[in-house]
N, C-alpha and C. Protein backbone atom coordinates (compact mmCIF):
# COMPACT_ATOMS: atom_id res chain seq x y z
N MET A 1 -10.55 7.43 7.30
CA MET A 1 -10.80 6.60 8.32
C MET A 1 -9.43 5.85 8.74
N VAL A 2 -9.14 6.10 10.13
CA VAL A 2 -7.95 5.59 10.75
C VAL A 2 -8.50 4.17 11.29
N LEU A 3 -7.85 3.06 10.74
CA LEU A 3 -8.20 1.72 11.35
C LEU A 3 -7.74 1.38 12.60
N GLN A 4 -6.40 1.59 12.86
CA GLN A 4 -5.83 1.44 14.27
C GLN A 4 -4.59 2.76 14.51
N GLU A 5 -4.57 3.04 15.76
CA GLU A 5 -3.52 3.86 15.97
C GLU A 5 -2.36 3.24 16.50
N PRO A 6 -1.19 3.80 16.09
CA PRO A 6 0.18 3.29 16.26
C PRO A 6 0.32 3.18 17.89
N LYS A 7 1.11 2.27 18.15
CA LYS A 7 1.54 2.11 19.76
C LYS A 7 0.36 2.00 20.64
N ARG A 8 -0.93 1.36 20.11
CA ARG A 8 -1.98 1.23 20.93
C ARG A 8 -2.18 -0.28 20.76
N HIS A 9 -2.67 -1.20 21.88
CA HIS A 9 -2.99 -2.33 21.64
C HIS A 9 -3.72 -2.94 20.65
N LEU A 10 -3.24 -3.97 20.11
CA LEU A 10 -3.82 -4.39 18.69
C LEU A 10 -4.66 -5.50 18.97
N ASP A 11 -6.09 -5.21 18.77
CA ASP A 11 -7.31 -6.08 19.23
C ASP A 11 -7.78 -6.89 18.11
N HIS A 12 -7.64 -6.29 16.85
CA HIS A 12 -8.23 -6.98 15.56
C HIS A 12 -7.28 -6.83 14.54
N VAL A 13 -7.65 -7.90 13.49
CA VAL A 13 -7.02 -8.09 12.29
C VAL A 13 -8.00 -7.75 11.12
N TYR A 14 -7.84 -6.76 10.18
CA TYR A 14 -8.74 -6.61 9.26
C TYR A 14 -8.17 -7.44 7.86
N PHE A 15 -9.07 -8.07 7.25
CA PHE A 15 -8.85 -8.66 5.90
C PHE A 15 -9.56 -7.92 4.86
N VAL A 16 -8.71 -7.18 4.15
CA VAL A 16 -9.47 -6.26 3.22
C VAL A 16 -9.82 -7.03 2.05
N GLY A 17 -11.24 -6.64 1.67
CA GLY A 17 -12.06 -7.29 0.55
C GLY A 17 -12.30 -6.50 -0.55
N ALA A 18 -12.16 -5.05 -0.33
CA ALA A 18 -12.26 -4.32 -1.55
C ALA A 18 -11.73 -2.77 -0.99
N GLY A 19 -11.20 -1.92 -1.78
CA GLY A 19 -10.73 -0.64 -1.41
C GLY A 19 -9.23 -0.59 -1.36
N LEU A 20 -8.71 0.27 -0.76
CA LEU A 20 -7.41 0.75 -0.50
C LEU A 20 -6.94 1.43 0.66
N VAL A 21 -6.13 0.88 1.58
CA VAL A 21 -5.64 1.18 2.71
C VAL A 21 -4.21 1.66 2.50
N SER A 22 -3.87 2.93 3.25
CA SER A 22 -2.47 3.38 3.15
C SER A 22 -1.89 3.14 4.42
N LEU A 23 -0.71 2.44 4.43
CA LEU A 23 -0.20 2.08 5.70
C LEU A 23 1.05 3.18 5.82
N ARG A 24 0.93 3.84 7.08
CA ARG A 24 1.83 5.08 7.26
C ARG A 24 2.68 4.99 8.62
N ILE A 25 3.68 5.56 8.71
CA ILE A 25 4.31 6.12 9.74
C ILE A 25 4.11 7.62 9.86
N VAL A 26 3.92 8.03 11.16
CA VAL A 26 3.45 9.61 11.33
C VAL A 26 4.41 9.72 12.57
N ALA A 27 5.40 10.91 12.29
CA ALA A 27 6.32 11.24 13.28
C ALA A 27 6.41 12.58 13.05
N ALA A 28 6.44 13.56 14.19
CA ALA A 28 6.72 14.94 14.33
C ALA A 28 5.73 15.85 13.17
N GLY A 29 4.66 15.25 12.93
CA GLY A 29 3.92 15.75 12.01
C GLY A 29 3.83 15.42 10.40
N SER A 30 4.92 14.86 10.29
CA SER A 30 5.17 14.35 8.89
C SER A 30 4.60 12.86 8.68
N ILE A 31 4.36 12.65 7.59
CA ILE A 31 3.93 11.23 7.04
C ILE A 31 4.86 10.58 6.05
N LEU A 32 4.95 9.15 6.28
CA LEU A 32 5.74 8.38 5.41
C LEU A 32 4.77 7.32 5.02
N GLU A 33 4.34 7.08 3.87
CA GLU A 33 3.51 6.01 3.57
C GLU A 33 4.55 4.98 3.25
N THR A 34 4.35 3.72 3.87
CA THR A 34 5.14 2.60 3.68
C THR A 34 4.77 1.42 2.74
N ALA A 35 3.33 1.41 2.56
CA ALA A 35 2.63 0.38 1.57
C ALA A 35 1.20 0.94 1.44
N VAL A 36 0.80 0.40 0.32
CA VAL A 36 -0.80 0.54 0.01
C VAL A 36 -1.31 -0.96 -0.01
N ILE A 37 -2.34 -1.09 0.79
CA ILE A 37 -2.83 -2.45 0.90
C ILE A 37 -4.34 -2.59 0.41
N GLY A 38 -4.62 -3.63 -0.40
CA GLY A 38 -5.93 -3.83 -1.00
C GLY A 38 -6.29 -5.27 -0.93
N TYR A 39 -7.16 -5.88 -1.56
CA TYR A 39 -7.38 -7.28 -1.65
C TYR A 39 -6.16 -8.02 -2.30
N PRO A 40 -5.75 -9.11 -1.70
CA PRO A 40 -6.35 -9.75 -0.49
C PRO A 40 -5.32 -9.52 0.78
N GLY A 41 -5.18 -8.05 0.99
CA GLY A 41 -4.18 -7.72 2.32
C GLY A 41 -4.92 -8.04 3.51
N ALA A 42 -4.07 -7.84 4.74
CA ALA A 42 -4.42 -7.74 6.00
C ALA A 42 -3.80 -6.67 6.63
N ILE A 43 -4.59 -5.87 7.44
CA ILE A 43 -4.25 -5.09 8.49
C ILE A 43 -4.15 -5.39 9.82
N GLY A 44 -2.86 -5.45 10.52
CA GLY A 44 -3.00 -5.81 11.95
C GLY A 44 -2.29 -7.11 11.85
N ALA A 45 -1.65 -7.81 10.96
CA ALA A 45 -1.21 -9.14 10.95
C ALA A 45 0.21 -9.11 11.69
N SER A 46 0.84 -7.76 12.06
CA SER A 46 1.88 -7.94 12.64
C SER A 46 2.13 -8.50 13.90
N PHE A 47 0.96 -8.98 14.76
CA PHE A 47 0.95 -9.57 15.82
C PHE A 47 1.71 -11.12 15.70
N LEU A 48 1.82 -11.30 14.32
CA LEU A 48 2.52 -12.70 14.01
C LEU A 48 4.03 -12.56 14.43
N LEU A 49 4.53 -11.24 14.24
CA LEU A 49 5.99 -10.84 14.77
C LEU A 49 6.15 -11.00 16.15
N GLY A 50 5.18 -11.18 17.00
CA GLY A 50 5.25 -10.95 18.36
C GLY A 50 4.83 -9.81 18.97
N GLY A 51 4.41 -8.78 18.37
CA GLY A 51 4.04 -7.66 18.92
C GLY A 51 2.62 -7.07 18.88
N HIS A 52 2.09 -6.65 20.05
CA HIS A 52 0.58 -6.27 20.12
C HIS A 52 0.57 -4.76 19.73
N LEU A 53 1.62 -3.93 19.60
CA LEU A 53 1.76 -2.59 19.51
C LEU A 53 2.29 -2.38 18.15
N PRO A 54 1.27 -2.02 17.01
CA PRO A 54 1.74 -1.91 15.86
C PRO A 54 2.39 -0.33 15.97
N THR A 55 3.41 -0.34 14.83
CA THR A 55 4.21 0.96 14.63
C THR A 55 3.58 1.71 13.64
N HIS A 56 2.72 1.34 12.69
CA HIS A 56 2.14 1.99 11.48
C HIS A 56 0.62 2.43 11.78
N GLN A 57 0.36 3.41 11.19
CA GLN A 57 -1.21 3.89 11.06
C GLN A 57 -1.83 3.50 9.78
N PRO A 58 -2.68 2.71 9.59
CA PRO A 58 -3.42 2.22 8.59
C PRO A 58 -4.69 3.08 8.44
N VAL A 59 -4.72 3.84 7.12
CA VAL A 59 -5.78 5.06 6.91
C VAL A 59 -6.46 4.32 5.57
N VAL A 60 -7.93 4.32 5.67
CA VAL A 60 -8.61 3.98 4.30
C VAL A 60 -8.41 5.11 3.31
N LEU A 61 -8.02 4.85 2.27
CA LEU A 61 -7.85 5.93 1.16
C LEU A 61 -9.08 5.78 0.30
N ILE A 62 -9.19 4.57 -0.15
CA ILE A 62 -10.52 4.26 -1.11
C ILE A 62 -11.28 3.34 -0.18
N PRO A 63 -12.64 3.94 0.08
CA PRO A 63 -13.51 2.97 0.90
C PRO A 63 -13.98 1.68 0.20
N GLY A 64 -13.88 0.58 0.96
CA GLY A 64 -14.46 -0.50 0.56
C GLY A 64 -14.93 -1.51 1.26
N ASN A 65 -14.53 -2.78 1.74
CA ASN A 65 -15.12 -3.32 2.87
C ASN A 65 -14.02 -4.38 3.43
N ALA A 66 -13.92 -4.85 4.50
CA ALA A 66 -13.18 -5.52 5.24
C ALA A 66 -13.69 -6.53 6.20
N HIS A 67 -13.25 -7.71 6.42
CA HIS A 67 -13.73 -8.68 7.48
C HIS A 67 -12.72 -8.32 8.49
N ARG A 68 -13.31 -8.23 9.86
CA ARG A 68 -12.61 -7.97 11.08
C ARG A 68 -12.62 -9.33 11.96
N ILE A 69 -11.50 -9.67 12.57
CA ILE A 69 -11.54 -10.77 13.49
C ILE A 69 -10.72 -10.43 14.55
N LEU A 70 -10.97 -10.70 15.85
CA LEU A 70 -10.22 -10.61 17.10
C LEU A 70 -8.96 -11.37 17.01
N VAL A 71 -7.89 -10.63 17.35
CA VAL A 71 -6.43 -11.18 17.26
C VAL A 71 -6.37 -12.70 17.94
N GLU A 72 -7.20 -12.59 19.18
CA GLU A 72 -7.22 -14.08 19.84
C GLU A 72 -7.98 -15.22 19.13
N ASP A 73 -8.88 -14.82 18.56
CA ASP A 73 -9.82 -15.79 17.51
C ASP A 73 -8.96 -16.23 16.39
N LEU A 74 -8.28 -15.39 15.94
CA LEU A 74 -7.25 -15.54 14.57
C LEU A 74 -6.07 -16.56 15.04
N ARG A 75 -5.68 -16.02 16.23
CA ARG A 75 -4.65 -16.92 16.79
C ARG A 75 -4.91 -18.47 16.91
N ARG A 76 -6.19 -18.57 17.49
CA ARG A 76 -6.88 -20.09 17.74
C ARG A 76 -6.93 -20.62 16.43
N ILE A 77 -7.54 -20.04 15.51
CA ILE A 77 -7.76 -20.50 14.11
C ILE A 77 -6.59 -20.99 13.45
N MET A 78 -5.52 -20.15 13.55
CA MET A 78 -4.20 -20.39 12.93
C MET A 78 -3.47 -21.73 13.67
N ASN A 79 -3.83 -22.02 15.01
CA ASN A 79 -3.25 -23.08 15.81
C ASN A 79 -3.90 -24.23 15.25
N GLU A 80 -5.16 -24.20 14.90
CA GLU A 80 -6.03 -25.44 14.54
C GLU A 80 -5.80 -25.72 12.83
N ASN A 81 -5.26 -24.74 12.12
CA ASN A 81 -5.17 -24.74 10.87
C ASN A 81 -3.74 -24.17 10.30
N PRO A 82 -2.58 -24.76 10.59
CA PRO A 82 -1.24 -24.50 10.10
C PRO A 82 -1.02 -23.94 8.80
N ASP A 83 -1.97 -24.36 7.76
CA ASP A 83 -1.98 -23.65 6.49
C ASP A 83 -2.13 -22.19 6.51
N ILE A 84 -3.23 -21.94 7.33
CA ILE A 84 -3.48 -20.40 7.59
C ILE A 84 -2.52 -19.77 7.91
N ARG A 85 -1.85 -20.27 9.04
CA ARG A 85 -0.93 -19.46 9.57
C ARG A 85 0.33 -19.33 8.81
N GLU A 86 0.60 -20.49 8.01
CA GLU A 86 1.80 -20.44 7.01
C GLU A 86 1.61 -19.16 5.91
N ARG A 87 0.18 -19.25 5.28
CA ARG A 87 -0.16 -18.20 4.38
C ARG A 87 -0.10 -16.74 4.96
N LEU A 88 -0.44 -16.50 6.05
CA LEU A 88 -0.48 -15.41 6.74
C LEU A 88 1.05 -14.83 6.94
N CYS A 89 1.85 -15.66 7.37
CA CYS A 89 3.18 -15.42 7.75
C CYS A 89 3.85 -15.05 6.43
N ARG A 90 3.63 -15.69 5.22
CA ARG A 90 4.09 -15.41 3.98
C ARG A 90 3.62 -13.82 3.43
N TYR A 91 2.42 -13.71 3.91
CA TYR A 91 1.84 -12.34 3.54
C TYR A 91 2.59 -11.33 4.31
N VAL A 92 2.84 -11.62 5.69
CA VAL A 92 3.60 -10.54 6.51
C VAL A 92 4.99 -10.21 5.82
N GLN A 93 5.70 -11.37 5.53
CA GLN A 93 6.94 -11.28 4.85
C GLN A 93 6.88 -10.37 3.64
N ALA A 94 5.81 -10.63 2.71
CA ALA A 94 5.87 -9.75 1.65
C ALA A 94 5.58 -8.38 1.91
N LEU A 95 4.64 -8.06 2.96
CA LEU A 95 4.41 -6.68 3.24
C LEU A 95 5.71 -6.10 3.99
N SER A 96 6.49 -7.00 4.68
CA SER A 96 7.77 -6.26 5.07
C SER A 96 8.73 -5.89 4.15
N VAL A 97 8.89 -6.82 3.03
CA VAL A 97 9.58 -6.55 1.80
C VAL A 97 9.08 -5.02 1.23
N HIS A 98 7.77 -5.12 0.97
CA HIS A 98 7.15 -3.65 0.60
C HIS A 98 7.51 -2.59 1.34
N CYS A 99 7.31 -2.49 2.77
CA CYS A 99 7.62 -1.36 3.50
C CYS A 99 9.01 -1.12 3.40
N ALA A 100 10.00 -2.08 3.45
CA ALA A 100 11.53 -1.75 3.32
C ALA A 100 11.91 -1.05 1.99
N GLN A 101 11.27 -1.83 1.02
CA GLN A 101 11.71 -1.36 -0.54
C GLN A 101 11.11 0.12 -0.64
N SER A 102 9.85 0.32 -0.13
CA SER A 102 9.23 1.69 -0.20
C SER A 102 10.29 2.69 0.61
N GLY A 103 10.93 2.41 1.82
CA GLY A 103 11.85 3.43 2.28
C GLY A 103 13.16 3.56 1.41
N LEU A 104 13.69 2.40 0.87
CA LEU A 104 14.70 2.65 0.00
C LEU A 104 14.27 3.40 -1.23
N CYS A 105 13.37 3.10 -1.83
CA CYS A 105 12.90 3.89 -3.01
C CYS A 105 12.80 5.41 -2.72
N GLY A 106 12.25 5.67 -1.56
CA GLY A 106 12.21 7.09 -1.38
C GLY A 106 13.37 7.87 -1.33
N VAL A 107 14.58 7.33 -1.06
CA VAL A 107 15.86 7.92 -0.94
C VAL A 107 16.59 7.79 -2.21
N ARG A 108 16.47 6.81 -3.03
CA ARG A 108 17.31 6.34 -4.05
C ARG A 108 16.51 6.40 -5.45
N HIS A 109 15.50 6.66 -5.66
CA HIS A 109 14.70 6.73 -6.95
C HIS A 109 14.34 8.01 -7.20
N ALA A 110 14.31 8.47 -8.54
CA ALA A 110 13.71 9.67 -8.91
C ALA A 110 12.31 9.70 -8.85
N SER A 111 11.80 11.07 -8.71
CA SER A 111 10.34 11.33 -8.49
C SER A 111 9.58 10.66 -9.56
N GLU A 112 9.84 10.59 -10.61
CA GLU A 112 8.93 10.00 -11.75
C GLU A 112 8.65 8.66 -11.56
N LYS A 113 9.89 8.11 -11.39
CA LYS A 113 10.09 6.66 -11.28
C LYS A 113 9.07 6.18 -10.08
N ARG A 114 9.38 6.92 -8.96
CA ARG A 114 8.63 6.73 -7.72
C ARG A 114 6.93 6.84 -8.00
N LEU A 115 6.57 7.96 -8.47
CA LEU A 115 5.29 7.99 -8.88
C LEU A 115 4.58 6.95 -9.62
N ALA A 116 5.15 6.45 -10.72
CA ALA A 116 4.75 5.75 -11.45
C ALA A 116 4.64 4.28 -10.75
N SER A 117 5.68 3.92 -9.96
CA SER A 117 5.52 2.62 -9.21
C SER A 117 4.27 2.99 -8.02
N TRP A 118 4.01 3.98 -7.40
CA TRP A 118 3.00 4.16 -6.51
C TRP A 118 1.82 4.04 -7.36
N LEU A 119 1.46 4.60 -8.40
CA LEU A 119 0.40 4.35 -9.27
C LEU A 119 -0.07 2.84 -9.57
N CYS A 120 0.89 2.28 -9.96
CA CYS A 120 1.00 0.78 -10.44
C CYS A 120 0.55 0.16 -9.22
N LEU A 121 1.31 0.00 -8.07
CA LEU A 121 0.94 -0.59 -6.88
C LEU A 121 -0.30 -0.26 -6.41
N ALA A 122 -0.82 1.01 -6.43
CA ALA A 122 -2.02 1.32 -6.00
C ALA A 122 -3.26 0.55 -6.74
N SER A 123 -2.99 0.59 -8.02
CA SER A 123 -3.78 0.06 -8.98
C SER A 123 -4.04 -1.35 -8.75
N ASP A 124 -2.92 -2.06 -8.52
CA ASP A 124 -2.92 -3.48 -8.30
C ASP A 124 -3.59 -3.85 -7.04
N ALA A 125 -3.42 -3.06 -6.03
CA ALA A 125 -3.91 -3.29 -4.68
C ALA A 125 -5.46 -2.97 -4.64
N VAL A 126 -5.86 -2.05 -5.49
CA VAL A 126 -7.46 -1.73 -5.34
C VAL A 126 -8.10 -2.37 -6.78
N GLY A 127 -7.21 -3.24 -7.59
CA GLY A 127 -8.01 -3.78 -8.66
C GLY A 127 -8.55 -3.07 -9.62
N SER A 128 -8.05 -1.69 -9.82
CA SER A 128 -8.94 -0.76 -10.85
C SER A 128 -7.84 0.18 -11.31
N ASN A 129 -8.03 0.52 -12.44
CA ASN A 129 -7.29 1.71 -13.17
C ASN A 129 -7.66 3.05 -12.68
N VAL A 130 -8.68 3.18 -11.89
CA VAL A 130 -9.05 4.59 -11.47
C VAL A 130 -8.85 4.72 -10.00
N LEU A 131 -7.93 5.73 -9.84
CA LEU A 131 -7.55 6.00 -8.41
C LEU A 131 -8.05 7.29 -7.97
N PRO A 132 -8.90 7.37 -7.06
CA PRO A 132 -9.36 8.74 -6.57
C PRO A 132 -8.41 9.35 -5.44
N VAL A 133 -7.27 9.97 -6.09
CA VAL A 133 -6.31 10.69 -5.23
C VAL A 133 -6.02 11.97 -5.82
N THR A 134 -5.64 12.82 -4.94
CA THR A 134 -5.25 14.18 -5.05
C THR A 134 -4.04 14.37 -5.44
N HIS A 135 -3.37 15.39 -5.99
CA HIS A 135 -1.89 15.84 -6.12
C HIS A 135 -1.47 16.18 -4.65
N ASP A 136 -2.10 16.87 -3.88
CA ASP A 136 -1.75 16.88 -2.30
C ASP A 136 -1.53 15.59 -1.67
N TYR A 137 -2.38 14.77 -1.79
CA TYR A 137 -2.35 13.40 -1.05
C TYR A 137 -0.87 12.80 -1.63
N LEU A 138 -0.83 12.71 -3.10
CA LEU A 138 0.54 11.99 -3.65
C LEU A 138 1.74 12.74 -3.09
N SER A 139 1.77 14.04 -3.04
CA SER A 139 2.85 14.84 -2.62
C SER A 139 3.23 14.42 -1.01
N SER A 140 2.10 14.34 -0.29
CA SER A 140 2.29 14.14 1.12
C SER A 140 2.79 12.51 1.49
N VAL A 141 2.38 11.55 0.84
CA VAL A 141 2.60 10.33 1.01
C VAL A 141 3.98 9.77 0.32
N LEU A 142 4.20 10.53 -0.73
CA LEU A 142 5.78 10.38 -1.37
C LEU A 142 6.66 11.38 -1.08
N GLY A 143 6.33 12.18 -0.17
CA GLY A 143 7.28 13.42 0.28
C GLY A 143 8.16 13.89 -0.86
N LEU A 144 7.24 14.33 -1.87
CA LEU A 144 7.56 15.01 -2.99
C LEU A 144 6.88 16.56 -3.03
N ARG A 145 7.27 17.48 -3.83
CA ARG A 145 6.80 18.74 -3.88
C ARG A 145 5.57 18.55 -4.67
N ARG A 146 4.45 19.07 -4.13
CA ARG A 146 3.27 19.16 -5.25
C ARG A 146 3.42 19.57 -6.56
N ALA A 147 4.20 20.69 -6.64
CA ALA A 147 4.43 21.09 -8.11
C ALA A 147 5.16 20.12 -8.88
N GLY A 148 6.13 19.20 -8.27
CA GLY A 148 6.69 18.23 -8.93
C GLY A 148 5.64 17.13 -9.31
N ILE A 149 4.70 16.81 -8.38
CA ILE A 149 3.83 15.85 -8.56
C ILE A 149 2.93 16.06 -10.02
N THR A 150 2.60 17.58 -9.94
CA THR A 150 1.75 17.91 -11.03
C THR A 150 2.43 18.00 -12.34
N GLU A 151 3.68 18.31 -12.23
CA GLU A 151 4.46 18.37 -13.40
C GLU A 151 4.58 16.86 -14.06
N THR A 152 4.91 15.89 -13.09
CA THR A 152 5.10 14.53 -13.51
C THR A 152 3.80 13.83 -14.24
N LEU A 153 2.64 14.26 -13.41
CA LEU A 153 1.17 13.83 -13.82
C LEU A 153 0.92 14.50 -15.18
N ASN A 154 1.20 15.74 -15.41
CA ASN A 154 1.10 16.29 -16.67
C ASN A 154 1.85 15.66 -17.97
N ARG A 155 3.13 15.28 -17.52
CA ARG A 155 4.10 14.52 -18.57
C ARG A 155 3.22 13.35 -18.83
N PHE A 156 2.92 12.43 -17.86
CA PHE A 156 2.24 11.14 -18.09
C PHE A 156 1.02 11.36 -18.69
N GLU A 157 0.30 12.35 -18.56
CA GLU A 157 -0.97 12.63 -19.59
C GLU A 157 -0.62 12.96 -20.74
N GLU A 158 0.38 13.71 -21.15
CA GLU A 158 1.01 14.00 -22.44
C GLU A 158 1.21 12.72 -23.32
N GLN A 159 1.93 11.69 -22.43
CA GLN A 159 2.42 10.52 -23.02
C GLN A 159 1.23 9.66 -23.14
N GLN A 160 -0.06 9.89 -22.85
CA GLN A 160 -1.10 9.09 -22.85
C GLN A 160 -0.88 8.01 -21.79
N LEU A 161 -0.46 8.07 -20.87
CA LEU A 161 -0.20 6.80 -19.77
C LEU A 161 -1.33 7.23 -18.78
N ILE A 162 -1.67 8.15 -18.48
CA ILE A 162 -3.04 8.44 -17.53
C ILE A 162 -3.84 9.47 -18.19
N ARG A 163 -4.95 9.65 -17.55
CA ARG A 163 -5.64 10.71 -17.60
C ARG A 163 -6.31 11.35 -16.24
N LYS A 164 -6.20 12.62 -16.16
CA LYS A 164 -6.50 12.95 -14.60
C LYS A 164 -7.59 14.13 -14.83
N THR A 165 -8.58 13.90 -13.66
CA THR A 165 -9.35 15.00 -13.61
C THR A 165 -9.33 15.25 -12.19
N ARG A 166 -10.02 16.31 -11.75
CA ARG A 166 -10.20 16.73 -10.36
C ARG A 166 -10.12 15.43 -9.25
N GLY A 167 -9.13 15.27 -8.52
CA GLY A 167 -9.37 14.23 -7.62
C GLY A 167 -9.08 12.94 -8.17
N VAL A 168 -8.98 12.54 -9.22
CA VAL A 168 -8.89 11.09 -9.81
C VAL A 168 -7.80 11.07 -10.94
N VAL A 169 -7.15 10.04 -10.73
CA VAL A 169 -5.99 9.45 -11.93
C VAL A 169 -6.54 8.28 -12.52
N GLN A 170 -6.77 8.30 -13.73
CA GLN A 170 -7.07 7.21 -14.46
C GLN A 170 -5.96 6.55 -15.22
N ILE A 171 -5.43 5.33 -15.05
CA ILE A 171 -4.26 4.88 -15.97
C ILE A 171 -4.89 4.53 -17.09
N GLU A 172 -4.34 4.77 -18.26
CA GLU A 172 -4.88 4.65 -19.66
C GLU A 172 -3.85 3.44 -20.21
N ALA A 173 -2.69 3.49 -19.84
CA ALA A 173 -1.63 2.50 -20.73
C ALA A 173 -0.91 1.87 -19.48
N ARG A 174 -1.28 0.92 -18.76
CA ARG A 174 -0.80 0.15 -17.87
C ARG A 174 0.54 -0.40 -17.87
N ASN A 175 0.72 -0.99 -18.99
CA ASN A 175 2.17 -1.58 -19.31
C ASN A 175 3.19 -0.51 -19.53
N CYS A 176 2.68 0.59 -20.36
CA CYS A 176 3.64 1.62 -20.32
C CYS A 176 3.97 2.30 -19.22
N LEU A 177 3.14 2.57 -18.17
CA LEU A 177 3.27 3.21 -17.17
C LEU A 177 4.25 2.32 -16.04
N ALA A 178 3.93 1.16 -16.36
CA ALA A 178 4.72 0.01 -15.37
C ALA A 178 6.44 0.23 -15.97
N GLN A 179 6.59 0.24 -17.15
CA GLN A 179 7.92 0.58 -17.72
C GLN A 179 8.55 1.81 -17.10
N LYS A 180 7.65 2.86 -16.79
CA LYS A 180 8.29 3.94 -16.28
C LYS A 180 8.68 3.82 -14.85
N ALA A 181 8.25 2.85 -14.14
CA ALA A 181 8.33 2.65 -12.76
C ALA A 181 9.56 2.08 -12.45
N CYS A 182 10.16 2.45 -11.20
CA CYS A 182 11.53 1.80 -10.87
C CYS A 182 11.56 0.35 -10.64
N SER A 183 12.68 -0.13 -10.54
CA SER A 183 12.51 -1.60 -10.05
C SER A 183 11.84 -2.15 -8.89
N CYS A 184 11.64 -1.20 -7.98
CA CYS A 184 10.87 -1.59 -6.77
C CYS A 184 9.34 -1.99 -6.85
N TYR A 185 8.71 -1.54 -8.19
CA TYR A 185 7.41 -2.07 -8.27
C TYR A 185 7.49 -3.35 -8.71
N ARG A 186 8.43 -3.73 -9.54
CA ARG A 186 8.50 -5.20 -10.11
C ARG A 186 8.96 -6.00 -8.72
N LEU A 187 9.76 -5.67 -7.87
CA LEU A 187 10.20 -6.30 -6.84
C LEU A 187 8.99 -6.74 -5.92
N ILE A 188 8.16 -5.53 -5.50
CA ILE A 188 7.09 -5.55 -4.61
C ILE A 188 6.05 -6.36 -5.11
N SER A 189 5.65 -6.19 -6.40
CA SER A 189 4.60 -6.97 -6.99
C SER A 189 4.84 -8.34 -7.08
N GLY A 190 6.24 -8.81 -7.46
CA GLY A 190 6.66 -9.93 -7.46
C GLY A 190 6.41 -10.74 -6.21
N THR A 191 6.87 -10.02 -5.10
CA THR A 191 7.00 -10.55 -3.91
C THR A 191 5.53 -11.07 -3.36
N TYR A 192 4.41 -10.21 -3.61
CA TYR A 192 3.15 -10.59 -3.50
C TYR A 192 2.52 -11.64 -4.20
N ALA A 193 3.20 -11.65 -5.58
CA ALA A 193 2.53 -12.70 -6.46
C ALA A 193 3.33 -14.02 -6.22
N ALA A 194 4.06 -14.35 -5.34
CA ALA A 194 4.59 -15.55 -5.08
C ALA A 194 3.63 -16.43 -5.00
N PRO A 195 3.95 -17.75 -5.49
CA PRO A 195 2.83 -18.77 -5.31
C PRO A 195 2.38 -19.22 -4.27
N SER A 196 3.10 -19.13 -3.16
CA SER A 196 2.58 -19.35 -1.71
C SER A 196 1.79 -18.37 -0.98
N LEU A 197 1.46 -17.17 -1.87
CA LEU A 197 0.68 -16.12 -0.95
C LEU A 197 -0.85 -16.52 -1.26
């Protein structure tokens, strides 16, 4: 389910309560995922940067729930409660780091490290070690060959880091998988974990 179309007027902000949302850029038939968002994330908070035309397409990957508020209502609430504005601005800053780091990761890091990072970030965002994702999905959002995704997941399973079944990846050894991840995982998760968020 697409929550907002890119380059269309932004009417609402969604505060994710549960589930997982893939934040994507779509161009010329290609998809680039720039972030995964779960609780306590927000979709549409880019209006804080001064724009009402989002550049990303948020797509629900794992169904859950969210609270929706009109941008104008949220703007009024933030004017009345500066702490809310400050907190949301810090979240948008962390999300910007996430998006930028994902772009760098895609051109600089090996596929195994990128896949381990994605699995850890998605697990953090959804608050679960069970991720209902297919090899095709991982291939499309990471820009990797499907065969390469399958080979890497098979290696992770042989190393007892994950267990996979049709359409599901279950993380079995979270800390060991995080050690396989590139430094982007630690940087991104550390940015979200900053005390002010």
